[in-house]
Amino acid sequence: MEELLFGGIFLVLIISGIFSFFEIAFIRIFFEIKSTKYIKLLKILEILFFLMIFFGEILFIAFTFLYFLVLFSDFKKKIISKEELIINTLFYFTDILLIILVMLLILGNLPST
């Protein structure tokens, strides 16, 4: 039984890694973003959001604070423009909302019609 659980988790991680690669490539081309550092940080936050179920919210809140700290400090240093700041902030909120929706769908807590 443990092997099946480990295999399922491993398969989900591989599939999410492949989707993350294509998502980063698509976003980089479509939005013409120079640096994908923030998107990679967002992917780490995505994983931590799922792990939040097991480890609590403190780790997720700390990494969210770190994400915005890096984002705003790079904006202050003029490494990124105002448009990139807005786009990466919108990516954060969109990503978190999509993760919550997926978790609700997986856990089956949505009202049935």
N, C-alpha and C. Protein backbone atom coordinates (compact mmCIF):
# COMPACT_ATOMS: atom_id res chain seq x y z
N MET A 1 0.82 -1.20 0.00
CA MET A 1 0.00 0.00 0.00
C MET A 1 0.86 1.26 0.00
N GLU A 2 1.99 1.20 0.77
CA GLU A 2 2.88 2.36 0.81
C GLU A 2 3.48 2.64 -0.55
N GLU A 3 3.82 1.57 -1.29
CA GLU A 3 4.41 1.75 -2.61
C GLU A 3 3.43 2.44 -3.55
N LEU A 4 2.16 2.08 -3.46
CA LEU A 4 1.14 2.68 -4.30
C LEU A 4 0.98 4.16 -3.98
N LEU A 5 0.98 4.49 -2.70
CA LEU A 5 0.87 5.89 -2.28
C LEU A 5 2.08 6.69 -2.74
N PHE A 6 3.28 6.11 -2.53
CA PHE A 6 4.50 6.79 -2.96
C PHE A 6 4.52 6.96 -4.47
N GLY A 7 4.11 5.94 -5.21
CA GLY A 7 4.06 6.02 -6.67
C GLY A 7 3.07 7.07 -7.15
N GLY A 8 1.92 7.17 -6.49
CA GLY A 8 0.93 8.18 -6.85
C GLY A 8 1.44 9.59 -6.60
N ILE A 9 2.07 9.79 -5.45
CA ILE A 9 2.63 11.10 -5.14
C ILE A 9 3.74 11.46 -6.12
N PHE A 10 4.60 10.49 -6.43
CA PHE A 10 5.68 10.71 -7.38
C PHE A 10 5.13 11.07 -8.76
N LEU A 11 4.08 10.39 -9.20
CA LEU A 11 3.46 10.67 -10.49
C LEU A 11 2.86 12.07 -10.53
N VAL A 12 2.20 12.47 -9.46
CA VAL A 12 1.62 13.81 -9.39
C VAL A 12 2.72 14.87 -9.44
N LEU A 13 3.83 14.63 -8.74
CA LEU A 13 4.94 15.59 -8.77
C LEU A 13 5.55 15.71 -10.15
N ILE A 14 5.69 14.59 -10.86
CA ILE A 14 6.26 14.63 -12.21
C ILE A 14 5.32 15.38 -13.15
N ILE A 15 4.03 15.09 -13.09
CA ILE A 15 3.07 15.76 -13.96
C ILE A 15 3.01 17.25 -13.65
N SER A 16 3.01 17.61 -12.38
CA SER A 16 2.98 19.04 -12.04
C SER A 16 4.27 19.73 -12.46
N GLY A 17 5.39 19.03 -12.40
CA GLY A 17 6.65 19.60 -12.88
C GLY A 17 6.62 19.88 -14.36
N ILE A 18 6.05 18.96 -15.14
CA ILE A 18 5.94 19.15 -16.58
C ILE A 18 5.03 20.32 -16.89
N PHE A 19 3.88 20.39 -16.21
CA PHE A 19 2.97 21.51 -16.42
C PHE A 19 3.61 22.83 -16.00
N SER A 20 4.38 22.82 -14.92
CA SER A 20 5.05 24.04 -14.47
C SER A 20 6.05 24.52 -15.51
N PHE A 21 6.80 23.59 -16.11
CA PHE A 21 7.76 23.96 -17.15
C PHE A 21 7.06 24.64 -18.31
N PHE A 22 5.96 24.04 -18.79
CA PHE A 22 5.24 24.64 -19.91
C PHE A 22 4.55 25.95 -19.51
N GLU A 23 4.09 26.04 -18.28
CA GLU A 23 3.47 27.28 -17.81
C GLU A 23 4.48 28.42 -17.78
N ILE A 24 5.67 28.13 -17.28
CA ILE A 24 6.71 29.15 -17.23
C ILE A 24 7.12 29.57 -18.64
N ALA A 25 7.26 28.60 -19.54
CA ALA A 25 7.62 28.92 -20.93
C ALA A 25 6.53 29.77 -21.59
N PHE A 26 5.27 29.41 -21.39
CA PHE A 26 4.16 30.15 -21.99
C PHE A 26 4.09 31.58 -21.45
N ILE A 27 4.22 31.72 -20.14
CA ILE A 27 4.15 33.04 -19.52
C ILE A 27 5.31 33.91 -19.99
N ARG A 28 6.48 33.31 -20.08
CA ARG A 28 7.66 34.08 -20.51
C ARG A 28 7.50 34.59 -21.95
N ILE A 29 6.93 33.77 -22.82
CA ILE A 29 6.74 34.18 -24.22
C ILE A 29 5.57 35.14 -24.35
N PHE A 30 4.44 34.81 -23.72
CA PHE A 30 3.22 35.58 -23.90
C PHE A 30 3.33 36.98 -23.30
N PHE A 31 3.88 37.07 -22.09
CA PHE A 31 3.96 38.36 -21.41
C PHE A 31 5.30 39.05 -21.61
N GLU A 32 6.22 38.44 -22.32
CA GLU A 32 7.54 39.00 -22.60
C GLU A 32 8.25 39.43 -21.31
N ILE A 33 8.27 38.52 -20.35
CA ILE A 33 8.93 38.78 -19.08
C ILE A 33 10.39 38.36 -19.20
N LYS A 34 11.29 39.23 -18.75
CA LYS A 34 12.72 38.96 -18.85
C LYS A 34 13.17 37.93 -17.81
N SER A 35 12.73 38.08 -16.59
CA SER A 35 13.19 37.23 -15.50
C SER A 35 12.05 36.34 -15.03
N THR A 36 12.34 35.06 -14.90
CA THR A 36 11.33 34.12 -14.39
C THR A 36 11.58 33.78 -12.92
N LYS A 37 12.41 34.58 -12.26
CA LYS A 37 12.72 34.32 -10.85
C LYS A 37 11.46 34.33 -10.00
N TYR A 38 10.57 35.25 -10.26
CA TYR A 38 9.36 35.38 -9.45
C TYR A 38 8.38 34.25 -9.72
N ILE A 39 8.33 33.79 -10.94
CA ILE A 39 7.45 32.67 -11.27
C ILE A 39 7.97 31.39 -10.63
N LYS A 40 9.28 31.23 -10.59
CA LYS A 40 9.85 30.06 -9.92
C LYS A 40 9.58 30.11 -8.42
N LEU A 41 9.68 31.30 -7.83
CA LEU A 41 9.32 31.46 -6.42
C LEU A 41 7.84 31.14 -6.19
N LEU A 42 7.02 31.53 -7.16
CA LEU A 42 5.60 31.26 -7.06
C LEU A 42 5.32 29.75 -7.14
N LYS A 43 6.08 29.03 -7.93
CA LYS A 43 5.94 27.57 -8.01
C LYS A 43 6.29 26.92 -6.68
N ILE A 44 7.32 27.45 -6.01
CA ILE A 44 7.66 26.93 -4.68
C ILE A 44 6.52 27.21 -3.71
N LEU A 45 5.93 28.39 -3.80
CA LEU A 45 4.78 28.71 -2.95
C LEU A 45 3.61 27.80 -3.24
N GLU A 46 3.45 27.43 -4.50
CA GLU A 46 2.37 26.52 -4.88
C GLU A 46 2.53 25.18 -4.17
N ILE A 47 3.72 24.66 -4.17
CA ILE A 47 3.99 23.38 -3.49
C ILE A 47 3.76 23.53 -2.00
N LEU A 48 4.22 24.64 -1.44
CA LEU A 48 4.03 24.86 -0.01
C LEU A 48 2.57 25.03 0.36
N PHE A 49 1.78 25.56 -0.56
CA PHE A 49 0.36 25.71 -0.28
C PHE A 49 -0.30 24.34 -0.11
N PHE A 50 0.10 23.37 -0.96
CA PHE A 50 -0.42 22.02 -0.80
C PHE A 50 0.09 21.37 0.48
N LEU A 51 1.35 21.63 0.84
CA LEU A 51 1.92 21.06 2.06
C LEU A 51 1.38 21.73 3.32
N MET A 52 0.75 22.91 3.15
CA MET A 52 0.19 23.64 4.27
C MET A 52 -0.85 22.79 5.02
N ILE A 53 -1.49 21.88 4.31
CA ILE A 53 -2.48 21.01 4.94
C ILE A 53 -1.83 20.20 6.04
N PHE A 54 -0.56 19.79 5.83
CA PHE A 54 0.12 18.93 6.78
C PHE A 54 0.98 19.70 7.78
N PHE A 55 1.56 20.83 7.39
CA PHE A 55 2.53 21.51 8.23
C PHE A 55 2.03 22.82 8.82
N GLY A 56 0.86 23.27 8.46
CA GLY A 56 0.33 24.51 9.02
C GLY A 56 0.60 25.72 8.14
N GLU A 57 0.04 26.83 8.55
CA GLU A 57 0.08 28.04 7.73
C GLU A 57 1.34 28.87 7.92
N ILE A 58 2.07 28.68 9.00
CA ILE A 58 3.20 29.55 9.32
C ILE A 58 4.25 29.52 8.21
N LEU A 59 4.57 28.35 7.70
CA LEU A 59 5.56 28.22 6.64
C LEU A 59 5.10 28.92 5.37
N PHE A 60 3.84 28.75 5.03
CA PHE A 60 3.30 29.39 3.82
C PHE A 60 3.30 30.90 3.96
N ILE A 61 2.90 31.41 5.11
CA ILE A 61 2.88 32.86 5.33
C ILE A 61 4.30 33.42 5.26
N ALA A 62 5.26 32.71 5.83
CA ALA A 62 6.65 33.18 5.80
C ALA A 62 7.17 33.26 4.36
N PHE A 63 6.88 32.25 3.54
CA PHE A 63 7.36 32.27 2.16
C PHE A 63 6.59 33.27 1.31
N THR A 64 5.33 33.51 1.62
CA THR A 64 4.59 34.56 0.92
C THR A 64 5.21 35.92 1.22
N PHE A 65 5.53 36.15 2.47
CA PHE A 65 6.19 37.40 2.85
C PHE A 65 7.53 37.52 2.13
N LEU A 66 8.29 36.43 2.04
CA LEU A 66 9.57 36.44 1.35
C LEU A 66 9.40 36.73 -0.15
N TYR A 67 8.36 36.17 -0.75
CA TYR A 67 8.08 36.41 -2.18
C TYR A 67 7.86 37.89 -2.44
N PHE A 68 6.98 38.51 -1.65
CA PHE A 68 6.70 39.93 -1.85
C PHE A 68 7.88 40.81 -1.45
N LEU A 69 8.67 40.38 -0.48
CA LEU A 69 9.86 41.12 -0.11
C LEU A 69 10.85 41.17 -1.27
N VAL A 70 11.09 40.02 -1.91
CA VAL A 70 11.99 39.97 -3.07
C VAL A 70 11.41 40.78 -4.22
N LEU A 71 10.11 40.66 -4.45
CA LEU A 71 9.46 41.37 -5.54
C LEU A 71 9.58 42.90 -5.36
N PHE A 72 9.26 43.39 -4.17
CA PHE A 72 9.29 44.83 -3.94
C PHE A 72 10.72 45.37 -3.84
N SER A 73 11.64 44.56 -3.31
CA SER A 73 13.02 45.04 -3.24
C SER A 73 13.62 45.15 -4.64
N ASP A 74 13.28 44.21 -5.53
CA ASP A 74 13.76 44.33 -6.91
C ASP A 74 13.11 45.51 -7.63
N PHE A 75 11.88 45.82 -7.28
CA PHE A 75 11.23 47.00 -7.85
C PHE A 75 11.91 48.28 -7.35
N LYS A 76 12.24 48.32 -6.06
CA LYS A 76 12.92 49.49 -5.51
C LYS A 76 14.30 49.69 -6.12
N LYS A 77 14.99 48.57 -6.42
CA LYS A 77 16.32 48.65 -7.03
C LYS A 77 16.25 48.88 -8.54
N LYS A 78 15.03 48.98 -9.04
CA LYS A 78 14.77 49.20 -10.47
C LYS A 78 15.25 48.04 -11.34
N ILE A 79 15.23 46.83 -10.78
CA ILE A 79 15.56 45.63 -11.55
C ILE A 79 14.37 45.24 -12.41
N ILE A 80 13.16 45.45 -11.86
CA ILE A 80 11.95 45.17 -12.63
C ILE A 80 11.15 46.46 -12.77
N SER A 81 10.32 46.49 -13.80
CA SER A 81 9.50 47.68 -14.04
C SER A 81 8.18 47.58 -13.27
N LYS A 82 7.42 48.67 -13.33
CA LYS A 82 6.13 48.70 -12.66
C LYS A 82 5.17 47.68 -13.27
N GLU A 83 5.23 47.50 -14.59
CA GLU A 83 4.37 46.53 -15.27
C GLU A 83 4.68 45.10 -14.81
N GLU A 84 5.97 44.79 -14.68
CA GLU A 84 6.34 43.45 -14.21
C GLU A 84 5.93 43.24 -12.76
N LEU A 85 6.00 44.28 -11.96
CA LEU A 85 5.55 44.19 -10.57
C LEU A 85 4.06 43.86 -10.52
N ILE A 86 3.27 44.55 -11.31
CA ILE A 86 1.83 44.32 -11.34
C ILE A 86 1.52 42.92 -11.87
N ILE A 87 2.19 42.52 -12.95
CA ILE A 87 1.95 41.20 -13.54
C ILE A 87 2.29 40.10 -12.55
N ASN A 88 3.44 40.20 -11.87
CA ASN A 88 3.82 39.16 -10.91
C ASN A 88 2.92 39.14 -9.69
N THR A 89 2.41 40.29 -9.27
CA THR A 89 1.46 40.32 -8.17
C THR A 89 0.14 39.67 -8.58
N LEU A 90 -0.31 39.95 -9.79
CA LEU A 90 -1.53 39.30 -10.29
C LEU A 90 -1.34 37.80 -10.45
N PHE A 91 -0.16 37.38 -10.90
CA PHE A 91 0.14 35.95 -10.99
C PHE A 91 0.01 35.29 -9.62
N TYR A 92 0.49 35.96 -8.58
CA TYR A 92 0.41 35.40 -7.24
C TYR A 92 -1.04 35.14 -6.83
N PHE A 93 -1.87 36.19 -6.94
CA PHE A 93 -3.25 36.03 -6.49
C PHE A 93 -4.02 35.05 -7.37
N THR A 94 -3.77 35.06 -8.68
CA THR A 94 -4.44 34.12 -9.57
C THR A 94 -4.03 32.69 -9.26
N ASP A 95 -2.74 32.49 -9.01
CA ASP A 95 -2.24 31.16 -8.71
C ASP A 95 -2.83 30.62 -7.41
N ILE A 96 -2.88 31.44 -6.39
CA ILE A 96 -3.43 31.00 -5.11
C ILE A 96 -4.92 30.68 -5.25
N LEU A 97 -5.66 31.50 -5.97
CA LEU A 97 -7.08 31.21 -6.16
C LEU A 97 -7.29 29.92 -6.94
N LEU A 98 -6.47 29.67 -7.94
CA LEU A 98 -6.58 28.42 -8.69
C LEU A 98 -6.22 27.21 -7.84
N ILE A 99 -5.24 27.36 -6.98
CA ILE A 99 -4.87 26.25 -6.09
C ILE A 99 -6.01 25.95 -5.13
N ILE A 100 -6.63 26.99 -4.58
CA ILE A 100 -7.76 26.77 -3.67
C ILE A 100 -8.90 26.06 -4.40
N LEU A 101 -9.18 26.46 -5.63
CA LEU A 101 -10.23 25.82 -6.41
C LEU A 101 -9.90 24.35 -6.67
N VAL A 102 -8.66 24.07 -7.03
CA VAL A 102 -8.25 22.69 -7.29
C VAL A 102 -8.35 21.86 -6.01
N MET A 103 -7.93 22.44 -4.88
CA MET A 103 -8.03 21.70 -3.61
C MET A 103 -9.48 21.41 -3.27
N LEU A 104 -10.36 22.36 -3.51
CA LEU A 104 -11.77 22.12 -3.24
C LEU A 104 -12.33 21.03 -4.16
N LEU A 105 -11.90 21.04 -5.40
CA LEU A 105 -12.36 20.01 -6.33
C LEU A 105 -11.83 18.63 -5.94
N ILE A 106 -10.57 18.57 -5.54
CA ILE A 106 -9.97 17.29 -5.15
C ILE A 106 -10.60 16.76 -3.88
N LEU A 107 -10.79 17.62 -2.91
CA LEU A 107 -11.34 17.19 -1.63
C LEU A 107 -12.85 17.01 -1.68
N GLY A 108 -13.48 17.50 -2.73
CA GLY A 108 -14.91 17.29 -2.90
C GLY A 108 -15.78 18.14 -2.00
N ASN A 109 -15.31 19.31 -1.63
CA ASN A 109 -16.09 20.17 -0.74
C ASN A 109 -16.96 21.16 -1.48
N LEU A 110 -17.02 21.07 -2.80
CA LEU A 110 -17.89 21.95 -3.55
C LEU A 110 -19.33 21.45 -3.47
N PRO A 111 -20.29 22.35 -3.40
CA PRO A 111 -21.69 21.89 -3.37
C PRO A 111 -22.07 21.22 -4.67
N SER A 112 -22.78 20.14 -4.57
CA SER A 112 -23.21 19.44 -5.79
C SER A 112 -24.51 20.03 -6.29
N THR A 113 -24.68 20.01 -7.61
CA THR A 113 -25.88 20.58 -8.21
C THR A 113 -26.87 19.51 -8.57
